Amino acid sequence: MRGLRWRKFKDRLALGLIIALALLPALPLFHILYGIFREGLSALSWKFFTCLPKPPGETGGGVGNAIVGTVMLSLLASFLAVPIGILCGIYLSEYARGKFGEVVRVAADVLQGVPSIVLGIVAYLWVVKPMGHFSALSGAVALALMMLPVIVRSTEEILKLIPETLREASLALGVNYWRTVIKVLLPTGLVGISTGVLVALARIMGETAPLLFTAFGNPFWNLNPLQPVEALPLTVFKYAISPYPEWIRQAWGASVILTLMVLGLNLFSRFLARRLGGNAP
């Protein structure tokens, strides 16, 4: 009995230590969130969401143009990256058998590790210089380059998890392989692929460095993708380094909005994976 109690004590001690170590990485996140919401909630109001920024030194104004610009950049980047990323993931999972497939796979992994500011410079050379001016399109290209590797690798891994029996059953019915991919594999892996897209989207929404060279910023409303556009990360960057207390307060408010958008996407992707995961492989 004495040895049994000692083993139970060691088991509970080890379990408590594991739980404490698991919670330890979350403490900095909670501290950051607490600081952002403590400083930024006071800046939030209806006008803050719907109005344009005021000139330097004046009180009031909002970040409505930055919210619209962030949504536009995210949609444009998704429009560019999602089809290419999914098609590339399908190729790596279903067709790549030689050295070329390995090269593409390594290229995706390397692209994922490239600093975002470098991708901003690349988009500047590809889009801004030929066009002769900054634009939302160039910002979307930079963000799409960041989304691509996440979508490619997540699509590949999800399709690889689908049992071979589904492929064999489809082929046994006389369906050719590309129809099997479109009609069987993609619908089966849709939840996992969608989760990968949402994770990639959450990653790029808070990026600032690529937008400094591409989207540049715009203090007015703009829905034209060929013109400069404001974004929440740019607003936070510019307001936070300004000498005006009102702008610094609004930088905290914009940080709250951006944090809620990113957290919302991450939580929704996890909800989607758990809620519909029973239909996935």
C-alpha atoms as a PDB file:
ATOM      1  CA  MET A   1       0.000   0.000   0.000  1.00  0.00           C
ATOM      2  CA  ARG A   2       2.817   2.362   0.841  1.00  0.00           C
ATOM      3  CA  GLY A   3       4.454   1.759  -2.555  1.00  0.00           C
ATOM      4  CA  LEU A   4       1.107   2.226  -4.317  1.00  0.00           C
ATOM      5  CA  ARG A   5       0.510   5.610  -2.636  1.00  0.00           C
ATOM      6  CA  TRP A   6       4.036   6.709  -3.553  1.00  0.00           C
ATOM      7  CA  ARG A   7       3.483   5.761  -7.210  1.00  0.00           C
ATOM      8  CA  LYS A   8       0.172   7.621  -7.278  1.00  0.00           C
ATOM      9  CA  PHE A   9       1.841  10.680  -5.746  1.00  0.00           C
ATOM     10  CA  LYS A  10       4.591  10.627  -8.393  1.00  0.00           C
ATOM     11  CA  ASP A  11       1.989  10.188 -11.126  1.00  0.00           C
ATOM     12  CA  ARG A  12      -0.021  13.207  -9.933  1.00  0.00           C
ATOM     13  CA  LEU A  13       3.142  15.257  -9.499  1.00  0.00           C
ATOM     14  CA  ALA A  14       4.250  14.472 -13.042  1.00  0.00           C
ATOM     15  CA  LEU A  15       0.776  15.252 -14.387  1.00  0.00           C
ATOM     16  CA  GLY A  16       0.711  18.592 -12.550  1.00  0.00           C
ATOM     17  CA  LEU A  17       4.148  19.460 -13.890  1.00  0.00           C
ATOM     18  CA  ILE A  18       3.074  18.641 -17.450  1.00  0.00           C
ATOM     19  CA  ILE A  19      -0.069  20.785 -17.115  1.00  0.00           C
ATOM     20  CA  ALA A  20       1.967  23.686 -15.684  1.00  0.00           C
ATOM     21  CA  LEU A  21       4.505  23.467 -18.511  1.00  0.00           C
ATOM     22  CA  ALA A  22       1.673  23.304 -21.051  1.00  0.00           C
ATOM     23  CA  LEU A  23       0.101  26.480 -19.628  1.00  0.00           C
ATOM     24  CA  LEU A  24       3.422  28.309 -19.432  1.00  0.00           C
ATOM     25  CA  PRO A  25       3.601  29.225 -23.164  1.00  0.00           C
ATOM     26  CA  ALA A  26       0.081  30.691 -22.930  1.00  0.00           C
ATOM     27  CA  LEU A  27       1.007  33.179 -20.212  1.00  0.00           C
ATOM     28  CA  PRO A  28       2.840  35.626 -22.545  1.00  0.00           C
ATOM     29  CA  LEU A  29      -0.142  35.518 -24.917  1.00  0.00           C
ATOM     30  CA  PHE A  30      -2.590  36.356 -22.138  1.00  0.00           C
ATOM     31  CA  HIS A  31      -0.301  39.137 -20.927  1.00  0.00           C
ATOM     32  CA  ILE A  32      -0.115  40.632 -24.437  1.00  0.00           C
ATOM     33  CA  LEU A  33      -3.871  40.390 -24.926  1.00  0.00           C
ATOM     34  CA  TYR A  34      -4.471  42.002 -21.541  1.00  0.00           C
ATOM     35  CA  GLY A  35      -2.192  44.920 -22.404  1.00  0.00           C
ATOM     36  CA  ILE A  36      -3.765  45.456 -25.833  1.00  0.00           C
ATOM     37  CA  PHE A  37      -7.345  45.418 -24.560  1.00  0.00           C
ATOM     38  CA  ARG A  38      -6.554  47.524 -21.497  1.00  0.00           C
ATOM     39  CA  GLU A  39      -5.037  50.295 -23.614  1.00  0.00           C
ATOM     40  CA  GLY A  40      -7.180  49.977 -26.719  1.00  0.00           C
ATOM     41  CA  LEU A  41     -10.778  49.453 -25.637  1.00  0.00           C
ATOM     42  CA  SER A  42     -11.145  53.108 -24.625  1.00  0.00           C
ATOM     43  CA  ALA A  43     -10.466  54.192 -28.212  1.00  0.00           C
ATOM     44  CA  LEU A  44     -13.253  52.088 -29.716  1.00  0.00           C
ATOM     45  CA  SER A  45     -16.479  53.767 -30.761  1.00  0.00           C
ATOM     46  CA  TRP A  46     -18.851  53.747 -33.700  1.00  0.00           C
ATOM     47  CA  LYS A  47     -17.015  56.653 -35.318  1.00  0.00           C
ATOM     48  CA  PHE A  48     -13.707  54.877 -34.846  1.00  0.00           C
ATOM     49  CA  PHE A  49     -15.004  52.056 -37.067  1.00  0.00           C
ATOM     50  CA  THR A  50     -16.669  54.227 -39.703  1.00  0.00           C
ATOM     51  CA  CYS A  51     -14.769  57.535 -40.001  1.00  0.00           C
ATOM     52  CA  LEU A  52     -11.607  58.605 -41.790  1.00  0.00           C
ATOM     53  CA  PRO A  53      -8.498  59.663 -39.848  1.00  0.00           C
ATOM     54  CA  LYS A  54      -8.227  63.262 -38.707  1.00  0.00           C
ATOM     55  CA  PRO A  55      -5.210  65.454 -39.574  1.00  0.00           C
ATOM     56  CA  PRO A  56      -2.242  65.315 -37.174  1.00  0.00           C
ATOM     57  CA  GLY A  57      -2.920  67.049 -33.868  1.00  0.00           C
ATOM     58  CA  GLU A  58      -6.739  66.888 -34.105  1.00  0.00           C
ATOM     59  CA  THR A  59      -8.815  64.638 -31.890  1.00  0.00           C
ATOM     60  CA  GLY A  60     -11.357  62.126 -33.134  1.00  0.00           C
ATOM     61  CA  GLY A  61     -11.401  60.340 -36.425  1.00  0.00           C
ATOM     62  CA  GLY A  62     -11.286  56.634 -37.066  1.00  0.00           C
ATOM     63  CA  VAL A  63      -9.781  53.805 -39.059  1.00  0.00           C
ATOM     64  CA  GLY A  64     -12.687  52.858 -41.289  1.00  0.00           C
ATOM     65  CA  ASN A  65     -10.542  53.122 -44.414  1.00  0.00           C
ATOM     66  CA  ALA A  66      -7.916  50.839 -42.860  1.00  0.00           C
ATOM     67  CA  ILE A  67     -10.522  48.191 -42.011  1.00  0.00           C
ATOM     68  CA  VAL A  68     -11.854  48.263 -45.574  1.00  0.00           C
ATOM     69  CA  GLY A  69      -8.318  48.156 -46.950  1.00  0.00           C
ATOM     70  CA  THR A  70      -7.375  45.179 -44.774  1.00  0.00           C
ATOM     71  CA  VAL A  71     -10.419  43.234 -45.960  1.00  0.00           C
ATOM     72  CA  MET A  72      -9.711  44.147 -49.598  1.00  0.00           C
ATOM     73  CA  LEU A  73      -6.047  43.125 -49.367  1.00  0.00           C
ATOM     74  CA  SER A  74      -6.999  39.830 -47.719  1.00  0.00           C
ATOM     75  CA  LEU A  75      -9.600  39.031 -50.383  1.00  0.00           C
ATOM     76  CA  LEU A  76      -7.250  39.930 -53.241  1.00  0.00           C
ATOM     77  CA  ALA A  77      -4.424  37.863 -51.734  1.00  0.00           C
ATOM     78  CA  SER A  78      -6.777  34.911 -51.261  1.00  0.00           C
ATOM     79  CA  PHE A  79      -8.012  35.239 -54.846  1.00  0.00           C
ATOM     80  CA  LEU A  80      -4.412  35.012 -56.054  1.00  0.00           C
ATOM     81  CA  ALA A  81      -3.047  32.383 -53.653  1.00  0.00           C
ATOM     82  CA  VAL A  82      -5.865  29.919 -52.997  1.00  0.00           C
ATOM     83  CA  PRO A  83      -6.350  28.475 -56.525  1.00  0.00           C
ATOM     84  CA  ILE A  84      -2.603  28.219 -57.176  1.00  0.00           C
ATOM     85  CA  GLY A  85      -1.901  26.789 -53.717  1.00  0.00           C
ATOM     86  CA  ILE A  86      -4.627  24.134 -53.932  1.00  0.00           C
ATOM     87  CA  LEU A  87      -3.614  23.084 -57.457  1.00  0.00           C
ATOM     88  CA  CYS A  88       0.029  22.859 -56.407  1.00  0.00           C
ATOM     89  CA  GLY A  89      -0.946  20.816 -53.340  1.00  0.00           C
ATOM     90  CA  ILE A  90      -2.954  18.449 -55.541  1.00  0.00           C
ATOM     91  CA  TYR A  91       0.031  18.023 -57.830  1.00  0.00           C
ATOM     92  CA  LEU A  92       2.413  17.258 -54.952  1.00  0.00           C
ATOM     93  CA  SER A  93      -0.008  14.793 -53.376  1.00  0.00           C
ATOM     94  CA  GLU A  94      -1.317  12.960 -56.431  1.00  0.00           C
ATOM     95  CA  TYR A  95       1.081  13.384 -59.357  1.00  0.00           C
ATOM     96  CA  ALA A  96       4.575  14.346 -58.147  1.00  0.00           C
ATOM     97  CA  ARG A  97       6.686  11.204 -58.080  1.00  0.00           C
ATOM     98  CA  GLY A  98      10.098  12.357 -59.332  1.00  0.00           C
ATOM     99  CA  LYS A  99      12.742  14.924 -58.560  1.00  0.00           C
ATOM    100  CA  PHE A 100      10.657  17.819 -59.867  1.00  0.00           C
ATOM    101  CA  GLY A 101       8.023  17.209 -57.198  1.00  0.00           C
ATOM    102  CA  GLU A 102      10.706  17.200 -54.526  1.00  0.00           C
ATOM    103  CA  VAL A 103      12.064  20.486 -55.872  1.00  0.00           C
ATOM    104  CA  VAL A 104       8.593  22.052 -55.695  1.00  0.00           C
ATOM    105  CA  ARG A 105       8.133  20.742 -52.155  1.00  0.00           C
ATOM    106  CA  VAL A 106      11.465  22.143 -51.008  1.00  0.00           C
ATOM    107  CA  ALA A 107      10.709  25.460 -52.740  1.00  0.00           C
ATOM    108  CA  ALA A 108       7.436  25.744 -50.804  1.00  0.00           C
ATOM    109  CA  ASP A 109       9.231  25.074 -47.527  1.00  0.00           C
ATOM    110  CA  VAL A 110      11.927  27.642 -48.327  1.00  0.00           C
ATOM    111  CA  LEU A 111       9.328  30.227 -49.351  1.00  0.00           C
ATOM    112  CA  GLN A 112       7.622  29.769 -46.000  1.00  0.00           C
ATOM    113  CA  GLY A 113      10.847  30.777 -44.253  1.00  0.00           C
ATOM    114  CA  VAL A 114      11.592  33.850 -46.374  1.00  0.00           C
ATOM    115  CA  PRO A 115      11.231  37.078 -44.302  1.00  0.00           C
ATOM    116  CA  SER A 116       8.106  39.034 -45.127  1.00  0.00           C
ATOM    117  CA  ILE A 117      10.075  42.212 -45.849  1.00  0.00           C
ATOM    118  CA  VAL A 118      11.970  40.363 -48.596  1.00  0.00           C
ATOM    119  CA  LEU A 119       8.684  39.308 -50.183  1.00  0.00           C
ATOM    120  CA  GLY A 120       7.606  42.951 -50.026  1.00  0.00           C
ATOM    121  CA  ILE A 121      10.713  43.974 -51.973  1.00  0.00           C
ATOM    122  CA  VAL A 122      10.020  41.223 -54.523  1.00  0.00           C
ATOM    123  CA  ALA A 123       6.449  42.461 -55.000  1.00  0.00           C
ATOM    124  CA  TYR A 124       7.814  45.993 -55.333  1.00  0.00           C
ATOM    125  CA  LEU A 125      10.090  44.878 -58.187  1.00  0.00           C
ATOM    126  CA  TRP A 126       7.404  42.752 -59.831  1.00  0.00           C
ATOM    127  CA  VAL A 127       4.418  45.094 -59.607  1.00  0.00           C
ATOM    128  CA  VAL A 128       5.177  48.560 -58.221  1.00  0.00           C
ATOM    129  CA  LYS A 129       8.098  49.429 -60.500  1.00  0.00           C
ATOM    130  CA  PRO A 130       6.388  48.322 -63.762  1.00  0.00           C
ATOM    131  CA  MET A 131       3.166  50.131 -62.779  1.00  0.00           C
ATOM    132  CA  GLY A 132       5.020  53.222 -61.590  1.00  0.00           C
ATOM    133  CA  HIS A 133       3.033  53.610 -58.366  1.00  0.00           C
ATOM    134  CA  PHE A 134       1.943  51.793 -55.219  1.00  0.00           C
ATOM    135  CA  SER A 135      -1.300  49.841 -55.208  1.00  0.00           C
ATOM    136  CA  ALA A 136      -3.457  47.374 -53.322  1.00  0.00           C
ATOM    137  CA  LEU A 137      -2.691  44.841 -56.055  1.00  0.00           C
ATOM    138  CA  SER A 138       1.034  44.913 -55.299  1.00  0.00           C
ATOM    139  CA  GLY A 139       0.290  44.469 -51.591  1.00  0.00           C
ATOM    140  CA  ALA A 140      -1.960  41.514 -52.399  1.00  0.00           C
ATOM    141  CA  VAL A 141       0.838  39.916 -54.457  1.00  0.00           C
ATOM    142  CA  ALA A 142       3.239  40.169 -51.506  1.00  0.00           C
ATOM    143  CA  LEU A 143       0.665  38.711 -49.118  1.00  0.00           C
ATOM    144  CA  ALA A 144      -0.248  35.959 -51.604  1.00  0.00           C
ATOM    145  CA  LEU A 145       3.399  34.882 -51.700  1.00  0.00           C
ATOM    146  CA  MET A 146       3.211  34.459 -47.933  1.00  0.00           C
ATOM    147  CA  MET A 147      -0.026  32.467 -48.123  1.00  0.00           C
ATOM    148  CA  LEU A 148       1.114  30.088 -50.863  1.00  0.00           C
ATOM    149  CA  PRO A 149       3.403  27.726 -48.927  1.00  0.00           C
ATOM    150  CA  VAL A 150       0.890  27.280 -46.096  1.00  0.00           C
ATOM    151  CA  ILE A 151      -1.920  26.406 -48.519  1.00  0.00           C
ATOM    152  CA  VAL A 152       0.307  24.155 -50.641  1.00  0.00           C
ATOM    153  CA  ARG A 153       1.617  22.079 -47.764  1.00  0.00           C
ATOM    154  CA  SER A 154      -1.714  21.853 -45.916  1.00  0.00           C
ATOM    155  CA  THR A 155      -3.513  20.742 -49.093  1.00  0.00           C
ATOM    156  CA  GLU A 156      -0.842  18.138 -49.802  1.00  0.00           C
ATOM    157  CA  GLU A 157      -0.922  16.700 -46.287  1.00  0.00           C
ATOM    158  CA  ILE A 158      -4.721  16.598 -46.129  1.00  0.00           C
ATOM    159  CA  LEU A 159      -5.000  14.759 -49.457  1.00  0.00           C
ATOM    160  CA  LYS A 160      -2.340  12.275 -48.364  1.00  0.00           C
ATOM    161  CA  LEU A 161      -4.463  11.433 -45.310  1.00  0.00           C
ATOM    162  CA  ILE A 162      -7.401  10.324 -47.474  1.00  0.00           C
ATOM    163  CA  PRO A 163      -7.537   6.505 -47.543  1.00  0.00           C
ATOM    164  CA  GLU A 164      -6.428   4.809 -50.750  1.00  0.00           C
ATOM    165  CA  THR A 165      -9.659   2.805 -50.727  1.00  0.00           C
ATOM    166  CA  LEU A 166     -11.601   5.912 -51.810  1.00  0.00           C
ATOM    167  CA  ARG A 167      -9.355   6.340 -54.838  1.00  0.00           C
ATOM    168  CA  GLU A 168      -9.566   2.653 -55.680  1.00  0.00           C
ATOM    169  CA  ALA A 169     -13.360   2.618 -55.345  1.00  0.00           C
ATOM    170  CA  SER A 170     -13.717   5.574 -57.692  1.00  0.00           C
ATOM    171  CA  LEU A 171     -11.320   4.113 -60.244  1.00  0.00           C
ATOM    172  CA  ALA A 172     -13.077   0.734 -60.026  1.00  0.00           C
ATOM    173  CA  LEU A 173     -16.293   2.442 -61.123  1.00  0.00           C
ATOM    174  CA  GLY A 174     -14.562   3.619 -64.288  1.00  0.00           C
ATOM    175  CA  VAL A 175     -13.949   7.231 -63.227  1.00  0.00           C
ATOM    176  CA  ASN A 176     -10.681   8.614 -64.563  1.00  0.00           C
ATOM    177  CA  TYR A 177      -8.118   9.983 -62.142  1.00  0.00           C
ATOM    178  CA  TRP A 178      -8.619  13.728 -62.555  1.00  0.00           C
ATOM    179  CA  ARG A 179     -12.360  13.321 -62.002  1.00  0.00           C
ATOM    180  CA  THR A 180     -11.573  11.252 -58.913  1.00  0.00           C
ATOM    181  CA  VAL A 181      -9.471  14.125 -57.608  1.00  0.00           C
ATOM    182  CA  ILE A 182     -12.196  16.716 -58.265  1.00  0.00           C
ATOM    183  CA  LYS A 183     -15.286  14.698 -57.326  1.00  0.00           C
ATOM    184  CA  VAL A 184     -13.950  12.519 -54.495  1.00  0.00           C
ATOM    185  CA  LEU A 185     -10.682  13.723 -52.990  1.00  0.00           C
ATOM    186  CA  LEU A 186     -11.321  17.478 -52.869  1.00  0.00           C
ATOM    187  CA  PRO A 187     -14.811  17.224 -51.276  1.00  0.00           C
ATOM    188  CA  THR A 188     -13.474  14.719 -48.743  1.00  0.00           C
ATOM    189  CA  GLY A 189     -10.571  16.961 -47.765  1.00  0.00           C
ATOM    190  CA  LEU A 190     -12.503  20.225 -47.993  1.00  0.00           C
ATOM    191  CA  VAL A 191     -12.582  20.835 -44.234  1.00  0.00           C
ATOM    192  CA  GLY A 192      -8.827  20.430 -43.842  1.00  0.00           C
ATOM    193  CA  ILE A 193      -8.059  22.512 -46.918  1.00  0.00           C
ATOM    194  CA  SER A 194     -10.390  25.284 -45.737  1.00  0.00           C
ATOM    195  CA  THR A 195      -8.692  25.249 -42.347  1.00  0.00           C
ATOM    196  CA  GLY A 196      -5.295  25.655 -44.028  1.00  0.00           C
ATOM    197  CA  VAL A 197      -6.601  28.610 -46.042  1.00  0.00           C
ATOM    198  CA  LEU A 198      -7.963  30.292 -42.909  1.00  0.00           C
ATOM    199  CA  VAL A 199      -4.682  29.778 -41.061  1.00  0.00           C
ATOM    200  CA  ALA A 200      -2.775  31.298 -44.001  1.00  0.00           C
ATOM    201  CA  LEU A 201      -5.204  34.228 -44.076  1.00  0.00           C
ATOM    202  CA  ALA A 202      -4.792  34.822 -40.348  1.00  0.00           C
ATOM    203  CA  ARG A 203      -1.029  34.850 -40.804  1.00  0.00           C
ATOM    204  CA  ILE A 204      -0.982  37.619 -43.430  1.00  0.00           C
ATOM    205  CA  MET A 205      -3.583  39.945 -41.898  1.00  0.00           C
ATOM    206  CA  GLY A 206      -1.132  41.372 -39.375  1.00  0.00           C
ATOM    207  CA  GLU A 207       1.844  41.786 -41.714  1.00  0.00           C
ATOM    208  CA  THR A 208       3.243  45.296 -41.988  1.00  0.00           C
ATOM    209  CA  ALA A 209       6.647  45.087 -43.686  1.00  0.00           C
ATOM    210  CA  PRO A 210       5.454  43.932 -47.148  1.00  0.00           C
ATOM    211  CA  LEU A 211       2.799  46.668 -47.247  1.00  0.00           C
ATOM    212  CA  LEU A 212       5.353  49.430 -46.666  1.00  0.00           C
ATOM    213  CA  PHE A 213       6.799  48.720 -50.131  1.00  0.00           C
ATOM    214  CA  THR A 214       3.537  47.934 -51.913  1.00  0.00           C
ATOM    215  CA  ALA A 215       0.176  49.186 -50.588  1.00  0.00           C
ATOM    216  CA  PHE A 216       1.938  52.186 -48.959  1.00  0.00           C
ATOM    217  CA  GLY A 217      -1.182  53.590 -47.260  1.00  0.00           C
ATOM    218  CA  ASN A 218      -3.990  55.993 -48.107  1.00  0.00           C
ATOM    219  CA  PRO A 219      -5.792  58.390 -45.712  1.00  0.00           C
ATOM    220  CA  PHE A 220      -8.984  58.250 -47.825  1.00  0.00           C
ATOM    221  CA  TRP A 221     -11.562  55.665 -48.820  1.00  0.00           C
ATOM    222  CA  ASN A 222     -10.379  53.504 -51.692  1.00  0.00           C
ATOM    223  CA  LEU A 223     -11.833  50.440 -53.373  1.00  0.00           C
ATOM    224  CA  ASN A 224      -9.664  50.608 -56.469  1.00  0.00           C
ATOM    225  CA  PRO A 225      -7.082  47.777 -56.364  1.00  0.00           C
ATOM    226  CA  LEU A 226      -4.802  49.781 -58.676  1.00  0.00           C
ATOM    227  CA  GLN A 227      -4.414  52.616 -56.160  1.00  0.00           C
ATOM    228  CA  PRO A 228      -2.647  52.792 -52.757  1.00  0.00           C
ATOM    229  CA  VAL A 229      -4.730  51.534 -49.868  1.00  0.00           C
ATOM    230  CA  GLU A 230      -4.602  51.783 -46.090  1.00  0.00           C
ATOM    231  CA  ALA A 231      -4.454  48.724 -43.827  1.00  0.00           C
ATOM    232  CA  LEU A 232      -4.680  48.187 -40.081  1.00  0.00           C
ATOM    233  CA  PRO A 233      -1.036  47.067 -39.692  1.00  0.00           C
ATOM    234  CA  LEU A 234       0.116  50.208 -41.510  1.00  0.00           C
ATOM    235  CA  THR A 235      -2.111  52.368 -39.317  1.00  0.00           C
ATOM    236  CA  VAL A 236      -0.742  50.800 -36.131  1.00  0.00           C
ATOM    237  CA  PHE A 237       2.833  51.272 -37.358  1.00  0.00           C
ATOM    238  CA  LYS A 238       2.416  54.922 -38.349  1.00  0.00           C
ATOM    239  CA  TYR A 239       0.333  55.935 -35.338  1.00  0.00           C
ATOM    240  CA  ALA A 240       2.506  54.124 -32.788  1.00  0.00           C
ATOM    241  CA  ILE A 241       5.683  55.981 -33.812  1.00  0.00           C
ATOM    242  CA  SER A 242       3.974  59.377 -34.026  1.00  0.00           C
ATOM    243  CA  PRO A 243       4.439  62.083 -31.344  1.00  0.00           C
ATOM    244  CA  TYR A 244       0.679  62.710 -31.002  1.00  0.00           C
ATOM    245  CA  PRO A 245      -1.043  61.161 -27.946  1.00  0.00           C
ATOM    246  CA  GLU A 246      -4.344  60.876 -29.826  1.00  0.00           C
ATOM    247  CA  TRP A 247      -2.730  58.857 -32.623  1.00  0.00           C
ATOM    248  CA  ILE A 248      -0.999  56.595 -30.105  1.00  0.00           C
ATOM    249  CA  ARG A 249      -4.352  55.973 -28.423  1.00  0.00           C
ATOM    250  CA  GLN A 250      -5.873  55.137 -31.793  1.00  0.00           C
ATOM    251  CA  ALA A 251      -2.954  52.812 -32.546  1.00  0.00           C
ATOM    252  CA  TRP A 252      -3.989  50.785 -29.507  1.00  0.00           C
ATOM    253  CA  GLY A 253      -7.593  50.776 -30.748  1.00  0.00           C
ATOM    254  CA  ALA A 254      -6.519  49.583 -34.205  1.00  0.00           C
ATOM    255  CA  SER A 255      -4.434  46.890 -32.501  1.00  0.00           C
ATOM    256  CA  VAL A 256      -7.555  45.638 -30.735  1.00  0.00           C
ATOM    257  CA  ILE A 257      -9.461  45.396 -34.022  1.00  0.00           C
ATOM    258  CA  LEU A 258      -6.595  43.629 -35.776  1.00  0.00           C
ATOM    259  CA  THR A 259      -6.127  41.218 -32.863  1.00  0.00           C
ATOM    260  CA  LEU A 260      -9.829  40.357 -32.842  1.00  0.00           C
ATOM    261  CA  MET A 261      -9.788  39.710 -36.596  1.00  0.00           C
ATOM    262  CA  VAL A 262      -6.767  37.401 -36.375  1.00  0.00           C
ATOM    263  CA  LEU A 263      -8.068  35.613 -33.268  1.00  0.00           C
ATOM    264  CA  GLY A 264     -11.465  35.224 -34.895  1.00  0.00           C
ATOM    265  CA  LEU A 265      -9.978  33.563 -37.967  1.00  0.00           C
ATOM    266  CA  ASN A 266      -7.839  31.221 -35.878  1.00  0.00           C
ATOM    267  CA  LEU A 267     -10.732  30.244 -33.622  1.00  0.00           C
ATOM    268  CA  PHE A 268     -13.055  29.750 -36.594  1.00  0.00           C
ATOM    269  CA  SER A 269     -10.513  27.507 -38.324  1.00  0.00           C
ATOM    270  CA  ARG A 270     -10.259  25.359 -35.174  1.00  0.00           C
ATOM    271  CA  PHE A 271     -14.042  25.290 -34.808  1.00  0.00           C
ATOM    272  CA  LEU A 272     -14.387  24.238 -38.440  1.00  0.00           C
ATOM    273  CA  ALA A 273     -11.828  21.478 -38.032  1.00  0.00           C
ATOM    274  CA  ARG A 274     -13.479  20.106 -34.881  1.00  0.00           C
ATOM    275  CA  ARG A 275     -17.110  20.605 -35.845  1.00  0.00           C
ATOM    276  CA  LEU A 276     -16.844  19.093 -39.301  1.00  0.00           C
ATOM    277  CA  GLY A 277     -13.786  16.962 -38.661  1.00  0.00           C
ATOM    278  CA  GLY A 278     -15.956  13.883 -38.384  1.00  0.00           C
ATOM    279  CA  ASN A 279     -16.564  14.095 -42.134  1.00  0.00           C
ATOM    280  CA  ALA A 280     -12.863  14.440 -42.863  1.00  0.00           C
ATOM    281  CA  PRO A 281     -10.389  11.576 -43.065  1.00  0.00           C
END
